[in-house]
Each structure stands twice: as C-alpha cells, then as structure tokens.
PDB file of N, CA and C in Angstrom:
ATOM      1  N   MET A   1     118.391  96.463  96.957  1.00  0.00           N
ATOM      2  CA  MET A   1     118.742  95.208  97.633  1.00  0.00           C
ATOM      3  C   MET A   1     118.947  95.463  98.987  1.00  0.00           C
ATOM      4  N   VAL A   2     118.267  94.627  99.912  1.00  0.00           N
ATOM      5  CA  VAL A   2     118.452  94.756 101.291  1.00  0.00           C
ATOM      6  C   VAL A   2     118.974  93.375 101.870  1.00  0.00           C
ATOM      7  N   GLY A   3     120.064  93.398 102.267  1.00  0.00           N
ATOM      8  CA  GLY A   3     120.741  92.200 102.738  1.00  0.00           C
ATOM      9  C   GLY A   3     120.872  91.243 101.458  1.00  0.00           C
ATOM     10  N   ASP A   4     120.483  90.109 101.313  1.00  0.00           N
ATOM     11  CA  ASP A   4     120.408  89.087 100.305  1.00  0.00           C
ATOM     12  C   ASP A   4     118.962  89.241  99.577  1.00  0.00           C
ATOM     13  N   SER A   5     118.100  90.154  99.963  1.00  0.00           N
ATOM     14  CA  SER A   5     116.807  90.181  99.293  1.00  0.00           C
ATOM     15  C   SER A   5     116.698  91.401  98.255  1.00  0.00           C
ATOM     16  N   LEU A   6     115.768  91.309  97.464  1.00  0.00           N
ATOM     17  CA  LEU A   6     115.413  92.433  96.531  1.00  0.00           C
ATOM     18  C   LEU A   6     114.036  92.938  97.011  1.00  0.00           C
ATOM     19  N   GLU A   7     113.992  94.227  96.855  1.00  0.00           N
ATOM     20  CA  GLU A   7     112.657  94.952  97.317  1.00  0.00           C
ATOM     21  C   GLU A   7     112.308  95.778  96.151  1.00  0.00           C
ATOM     22  N   LEU A   8     111.154  96.035  95.914  1.00  0.00           N
ATOM     23  CA  LEU A   8     110.659  96.999  95.023  1.00  0.00           C
ATOM     24  C   LEU A   8     109.987  98.307  95.684  1.00  0.00           C
ATOM     25  N   THR A   9     110.492  99.349  95.707  1.00  0.00           N
ATOM     26  CA  THR A   9     109.917 100.648  96.426  1.00  0.00           C
ATOM     27  C   THR A   9     109.145 101.345  95.363  1.00  0.00           C
ATOM     28  N   VAL A  10     107.993 101.773  95.705  1.00  0.00           N
ATOM     29  CA  VAL A  10     107.161 102.539  94.701  1.00  0.00           C
ATOM     30  C   VAL A  10     106.526 103.696  95.274  1.00  0.00           C
ATOM     31  N   GLY A  11     106.462 104.828  94.458  1.00  0.00           N
ATOM     32  CA  GLY A  11     105.683 106.089  94.859  1.00  0.00           C
ATOM     33  C   GLY A  11     106.269 106.918  96.073  1.00  0.00           C
ATOM     34  N   PRO A  12     105.569 108.120  96.153  1.00  0.00           N
ATOM     35  CA  PRO A  12     105.955 108.951  97.180  1.00  0.00           C
ATOM     36  C   PRO A  12     105.701 108.512  98.575  1.00  0.00           C
ATOM     37  N   GLY A  13     104.747 107.574  98.706  1.00  0.00           N
ATOM     38  CA  GLY A  13     104.423 107.153 100.025  1.00  0.00           C
ATOM     39  C   GLY A  13     105.227 105.936 100.416  1.00  0.00           C
ATOM     40  N   THR A  14     106.204 105.567  99.711  1.00  0.00           N
ATOM     41  CA  THR A  14     107.164 104.567  99.920  1.00  0.00           C
ATOM     42  C   THR A  14     106.619 103.268 100.219  1.00  0.00           C
ATOM     43  N   VAL A  15     105.873 102.753  99.334  1.00  0.00           N
ATOM     44  CA  VAL A  15     105.310 101.463  99.411  1.00  0.00           C
ATOM     45  C   VAL A  15     106.473 100.463  99.015  1.00  0.00           C
ATOM     46  N   VAL A  16     106.717  99.440  99.866  1.00  0.00           N
ATOM     47  CA  VAL A  16     107.780  98.442  99.694  1.00  0.00           C
ATOM     48  C   VAL A  16     107.058  96.992  99.623  1.00  0.00           C
ATOM     49  N   TRP A  17     107.579  96.382  98.494  1.00  0.00           N
ATOM     50  CA  TRP A  17     107.171  94.904  98.309  1.00  0.00           C
ATOM     51  C   TRP A  17     108.319  94.113  98.054  1.00  0.00           C
ATOM     52  N   PRO A  18     108.625  93.121  98.969  1.00  0.00           N
ATOM     53  CA  PRO A  18     109.571  92.145  98.812  1.00  0.00           C
ATOM     54  C   PRO A  18     109.456  91.310  97.550  1.00  0.00           C
ATOM     55  N   LEU A  19     110.612  91.092  96.778  1.00  0.00           N
ATOM     56  CA  LEU A  19     110.466  90.458  95.484  1.00  0.00           C
ATOM     57  C   LEU A  19     110.917  88.944  95.805  1.00  0.00           C
ATOM     58  N   ASP A  20     110.308  87.929  95.472  1.00  0.00           N
ATOM     59  CA  ASP A  20     110.620  86.561  95.404  1.00  0.00           C
ATOM     60  C   ASP A  20     111.080  85.991  93.947  1.00  0.00           C
ATOM     61  N   HIS A  21     112.117  85.228  93.933  1.00  0.00           N
ATOM     62  CA  HIS A  21     112.685  84.869  92.725  1.00  0.00           C
ATOM     63  C   HIS A  21     111.539  83.796  92.199  1.00  0.00           C
ATOM     64  N   TRP A  22     111.257  83.843  90.927  1.00  0.00           N
ATOM     65  CA  TRP A  22     110.209  82.977  90.315  1.00  0.00           C
ATOM     66  C   TRP A  22     110.873  82.097  89.310  1.00  0.00           C
ATOM     67  N   ASN A  23     111.526  82.525  88.346  1.00  0.00           N
ATOM     68  CA  ASN A  23     112.280  81.819  87.253  1.00  0.00           C
ATOM     69  C   ASN A  23     112.979  82.720  86.517  1.00  0.00           C
ATOM     70  N   GLY A  24     114.399  82.474  86.197  1.00  0.00           N
ATOM     71  CA  GLY A  24     115.216  83.302  85.408  1.00  0.00           C
ATOM     72  C   GLY A  24     115.275  84.801  85.925  1.00  0.00           C
ATOM     73  N   ASP A  25     114.866  85.576  85.266  1.00  0.00           N
ATOM     74  CA  ASP A  25     114.807  87.020  85.478  1.00  0.00           C
ATOM     75  C   ASP A  25     113.426  87.623  85.935  1.00  0.00           C
ATOM     76  N   VAL A  26     112.666  86.639  86.187  1.00  0.00           N
ATOM     77  CA  VAL A  26     111.309  87.041  86.708  1.00  0.00           C
ATOM     78  C   VAL A  26     111.221  86.851  88.233  1.00  0.00           C
ATOM     79  N   PHE A  27     110.615  87.897  88.963  1.00  0.00           N
ATOM     80  CA  PHE A  27     110.491  87.855  90.265  1.00  0.00           C
ATOM     81  C   PHE A  27     108.927  88.246  90.551  1.00  0.00           C
ATOM     82  N   VAL A  28     108.417  87.750  91.642  1.00  0.00           N
ATOM     83  CA  VAL A  28     107.068  87.933  92.001  1.00  0.00           C
ATOM     84  C   VAL A  28     106.806  88.720  93.418  1.00  0.00           C
ATOM     85  N   PHE A  29     105.733  89.365  93.502  1.00  0.00           N
ATOM     86  CA  PHE A  29     105.419  90.074  94.731  1.00  0.00           C
ATOM     87  C   PHE A  29     104.049  90.113  95.059  1.00  0.00           C
ATOM     88  N   GLU A  30     103.596  90.346  96.210  1.00  0.00           N
ATOM     89  CA  GLU A  30     102.122  90.462  96.576  1.00  0.00           C
ATOM     90  C   GLU A  30     101.830  91.883  96.802  1.00  0.00           C
ATOM     91  N   PRO A  31     101.231  92.376  95.887  1.00  0.00           N
ATOM     92  CA  PRO A  31     100.756  93.887  96.055  1.00  0.00           C
ATOM     93  C   PRO A  31      99.664  94.089  96.964  1.00  0.00           C
ATOM     94  N   PHE A  32      99.555  95.119  97.724  1.00  0.00           N
ATOM     95  CA  PHE A  32      98.443  95.372  98.578  1.00  0.00           C
ATOM     96  C   PHE A  32      98.075  96.812  98.411  1.00  0.00           C
ATOM     97  N   SER A  33      97.009  97.052  97.690  1.00  0.00           N
ATOM     98  CA  SER A  33      96.503  98.484  97.413  1.00  0.00           C
ATOM     99  C   SER A  33      95.176  98.379  96.961  1.00  0.00           C
ATOM    100  N   GLU A  34      94.456  99.534  96.643  1.00  0.00           N
ATOM    101  CA  GLU A  34      93.035  99.484  96.241  1.00  0.00           C
ATOM    102  C   GLU A  34      92.855  98.901  94.883  1.00  0.00           C
ATOM    103  N   ASN A  35      94.033  98.645  94.139  1.00  0.00           N
ATOM    104  CA  ASN A  35      93.910  98.107  92.828  1.00  0.00           C
ATOM    105  C   ASN A  35      94.294  96.591  92.795  1.00  0.00           C
ATOM    106  N   ALA A  36      94.669  96.161  93.893  1.00  0.00           N
ATOM    107  CA  ALA A  36      95.091  94.718  94.018  1.00  0.00           C
ATOM    108  C   ALA A  36      94.423  94.079  95.244  1.00  0.00           C
ATOM    109  N   ALA A  37      93.558  93.008  95.022  1.00  0.00           N
ATOM    110  CA  ALA A  37      92.919  92.301  96.208  1.00  0.00           C
ATOM    111  C   ALA A  37      93.950  91.631  97.159  1.00  0.00           C
ATOM    112  N   LEU A  38      93.624  91.221  98.300  1.00  0.00           N
ATOM    113  CA  LEU A  38      94.340  90.620  99.211  1.00  0.00           C
ATOM    114  C   LEU A  38      94.636  89.201  98.538  1.00  0.00           C
ATOM    115  N   GLY A  39      95.876  88.751  98.516  1.00  0.00           N
ATOM    116  CA  GLY A  39      96.271  87.503  97.792  1.00  0.00           C
ATOM    117  C   GLY A  39      96.672  87.740  96.313  1.00  0.00           C
ATOM    118  N   SER A  40      96.596  88.762  95.779  1.00  0.00           N
ATOM    119  CA  SER A  40      97.138  89.159  94.537  1.00  0.00           C
ATOM    120  C   SER A  40      98.601  88.931  94.258  1.00  0.00           C
ATOM    121  N   VAL A  41      99.010  88.426  93.033  1.00  0.00           N
ATOM    122  CA  VAL A  41     100.487  88.370  92.912  1.00  0.00           C
ATOM    123  C   VAL A  41     100.727  89.082  91.456  1.00  0.00           C
ATOM    124  N   SER A  42     101.791  89.650  91.458  1.00  0.00           N
ATOM    125  CA  SER A  42     102.278  90.228  90.238  1.00  0.00           C
ATOM    126  C   SER A  42     103.670  90.048  89.945  1.00  0.00           C
ATOM    127  N   GLN A  43     104.357  90.379  88.842  1.00  0.00           N
ATOM    128  CA  GLN A  43     105.706  90.028  88.559  1.00  0.00           C
ATOM    129  C   GLN A  43     106.446  91.182  88.208  1.00  0.00           C
ATOM    130  N   ALA A  44     107.743  91.050  88.289  1.00  0.00           N
ATOM    131  CA  ALA A  44     108.610  92.029  87.901  1.00  0.00           C
ATOM    132  C   ALA A  44     109.799  91.469  87.129  1.00  0.00           C
ATOM    133  N   THR A  45     109.989  91.939  85.864  1.00  0.00           N
ATOM    134  CA  THR A  45     110.792  91.118  84.942  1.00  0.00           C
ATOM    135  C   THR A  45     111.930  91.978  84.673  1.00  0.00           C
ATOM    136  N   PHE A  46     113.109  91.575  84.808  1.00  0.00           N
ATOM    137  CA  PHE A  46     114.324  92.274  84.478  1.00  0.00           C
ATOM    138  C   PHE A  46     114.758  91.811  83.144  1.00  0.00           C
ATOM    139  N   ASP A  47     115.200  92.744  82.196  1.00  0.00           N
ATOM    140  CA  ASP A  47     115.649  92.322  80.920  1.00  0.00           C
ATOM    141  C   ASP A  47     116.689  93.390  80.454  1.00  0.00           C
ATOM    142  N   GLY A  48     118.002  92.955  80.837  1.00  0.00           N
ATOM    143  CA  GLY A  48     119.056  93.901  80.646  1.00  0.00           C
ATOM    144  C   GLY A  48     118.922  95.220  81.452  1.00  0.00           C
ATOM    145  N   SER A  49     118.794  96.495  80.888  1.00  0.00           N
ATOM    146  CA  SER A  49     118.646  97.579  81.487  1.00  0.00           C
ATOM    147  C   SER A  49     117.123  98.065  81.578  1.00  0.00           C
ATOM    148  N   THR A  50     116.323  97.055  81.490  1.00  0.00           N
ATOM    149  CA  THR A  50     114.735  97.400  81.625  1.00  0.00           C
ATOM    150  C   THR A  50     114.066  96.467  82.630  1.00  0.00           C
ATOM    151  N   LEU A  51     113.288  97.162  83.369  1.00  0.00           N
ATOM    152  CA  LEU A  51     112.527  96.506  84.427  1.00  0.00           C
ATOM    153  C   LEU A  51     110.810  96.767  84.061  1.00  0.00           C
ATOM    154  N   GLU A  52     110.116  95.690  83.918  1.00  0.00           N
ATOM    155  CA  GLU A  52     108.705  95.762  83.535  1.00  0.00           C
ATOM    156  C   GLU A  52     107.979  95.301  84.871  1.00  0.00           C
ATOM    157  N   ILE A  53     107.226  96.137  85.466  1.00  0.00           N
ATOM    158  CA  ILE A  53     106.309  95.750  86.577  1.00  0.00           C
ATOM    159  C   ILE A  53     104.975  95.459  86.121  1.00  0.00           C
ATOM    160  N   GLU A  54     104.398  94.268  86.057  1.00  0.00           N
ATOM    161  CA  GLU A  54     103.229  93.916  85.455  1.00  0.00           C
ATOM    162  C   GLU A  54     102.015  94.632  86.163  1.00  0.00           C
ATOM    163  N   LEU A  55     101.918  94.850  87.393  1.00  0.00           N
ATOM    164  CA  LEU A  55     100.921  95.525  88.093  1.00  0.00           C
ATOM    165  C   LEU A  55     100.820  97.020  87.599  1.00  0.00           C
ATOM    166  N   LEU A  56     101.802  97.706  87.146  1.00  0.00           N
ATOM    167  CA  LEU A  56     101.778  99.136  86.677  1.00  0.00           C
ATOM    168  C   LEU A  56     101.633  99.285  85.248  1.00  0.00           C
ATOM    169  N   ASP A  57     101.562  98.091  84.464  1.00  0.00           N
ATOM    170  CA  ASP A  57     101.747  98.066  83.052  1.00  0.00           C
ATOM    171  C   ASP A  57     100.413  98.097  82.322  1.00  0.00           C
ATOM    172  N   GLU A  58      99.247  98.021  83.093  1.00  0.00           N
ATOM    173  CA  GLU A  58      97.905  97.915  82.365  1.00  0.00           C
ATOM    174  C   GLU A  58      97.663  99.022  81.370  1.00  0.00           C
ATOM    175  N   HIS A  59      98.313 100.168  81.622  1.00  0.00           N
ATOM    176  CA  HIS A  59      98.202 101.379  80.723  1.00  0.00           C
ATOM    177  C   HIS A  59      99.460 101.706  80.033  1.00  0.00           C
ATOM    178  N   GLY A  60     100.457 100.813  79.954  1.00  0.00           N
ATOM    179  CA  GLY A  60     101.720 101.126  79.376  1.00  0.00           C
ATOM    180  C   GLY A  60     102.597 101.858  80.245  1.00  0.00           C
ATOM    181  N   LEU A  61     102.423 101.862  81.635  1.00  0.00           N
ATOM    182  CA  LEU A  61     103.234 102.883  82.467  1.00  0.00           C
ATOM    183  C   LEU A  61     104.188 101.915  83.346  1.00  0.00           C
ATOM    184  N   GLY A  62     104.247 100.621  83.109  1.00  0.00           N
ATOM    185  CA  GLY A  62     105.108  99.798  83.839  1.00  0.00           C
ATOM    186  C   GLY A  62     106.418  99.446  83.517  1.00  0.00           C
ATOM    187  N   THR A  63     106.908 100.009  82.427  1.00  0.00           N
ATOM    188  CA  THR A  63     108.247  99.672  81.774  1.00  0.00           C
ATOM    189  C   THR A  63     109.202 100.827  82.175  1.00  0.00           C
ATOM    190  N   PHE A  64     110.449 100.433  82.793  1.00  0.00           N
ATOM    191  CA  PHE A  64     111.328 101.330  83.270  1.00  0.00           C
ATOM    192  C   PHE A  64     112.687 101.101  82.624  1.00  0.00           C
ATOM    193  N   THR A  65     113.390 101.899  82.028  1.00  0.00           N
ATOM    194  CA  THR A  65     114.767 101.665  81.417  1.00  0.00           C
ATOM    195  C   THR A  65     115.712 102.534  82.150  1.00  0.00           C
ATOM    196  N   ARG A  66     116.882 101.785  82.490  1.00  0.00           N
ATOM    197  CA  ARG A  66     117.970 102.471  83.198  1.00  0.00           C
ATOM    198  C   ARG A  66     118.610 103.574  82.272  1.00  0.00           C
ATOM    199  N   ALA A  67     118.826 104.697  82.768  1.00  0.00           N
ATOM    200  CA  ALA A  67     119.532 105.813  81.912  1.00  0.00           C
ATOM    201  C   ALA A  67     120.988 105.488  81.906  1.00  0.00           C
ATOM    202  N   ALA A  68     121.587 105.808  80.734  1.00  0.00           N
ATOM    203  CA  ALA A  68     122.997 105.660  80.478  1.00  0.00           C
ATOM    204  C   ALA A  68     123.802 106.582  81.459  1.00  0.00           C
ATOM    205  N   GLY A  69     124.813 106.182  81.861  1.00  0.00           N
ATOM    206  CA  GLY A  69     125.480 107.191  82.889  1.00  0.00           C
ATOM    207  C   GLY A  69     126.618 106.506  83.505  1.00  0.00           C
TER     208      GLY A  69
END
C-alpha cells in the first residue's frame, strides 16, 4: 500500500502496477510487458489469505497464499 493506493510489485526488475478497485475484492491493473499489449487489463482477486493474479495464472502460477505466521 502506498498512501491510500494499492500497488502490485512483481519480479526482480521491480515492475509496479497500480491497482484500481473494480468490485468487492477484485482490483484491475493495466499490465505492460511483452505478454500484454498496450491497453490490456488484468485483475487481481483477494480471497482471505489468497491473491490470484489473472495475468500470471495462464499456467497455474498466479495464485499466492499468505504463509501462517
């Protein structure tokens, strides 16, 4: 969280995508990479201790679960 905004930070190159609230626990962002054309939109869905990033989930690699602790 940066101020009153949420950001998604990905990878060792530190790509940062601002998250915009869409509906309920769903946020959207505009990815910019070789895998997403200009104007693309993806979603990040929070469900309890789980975050699913649609853009990264094509091969089942976009679901992250918070470790207990």
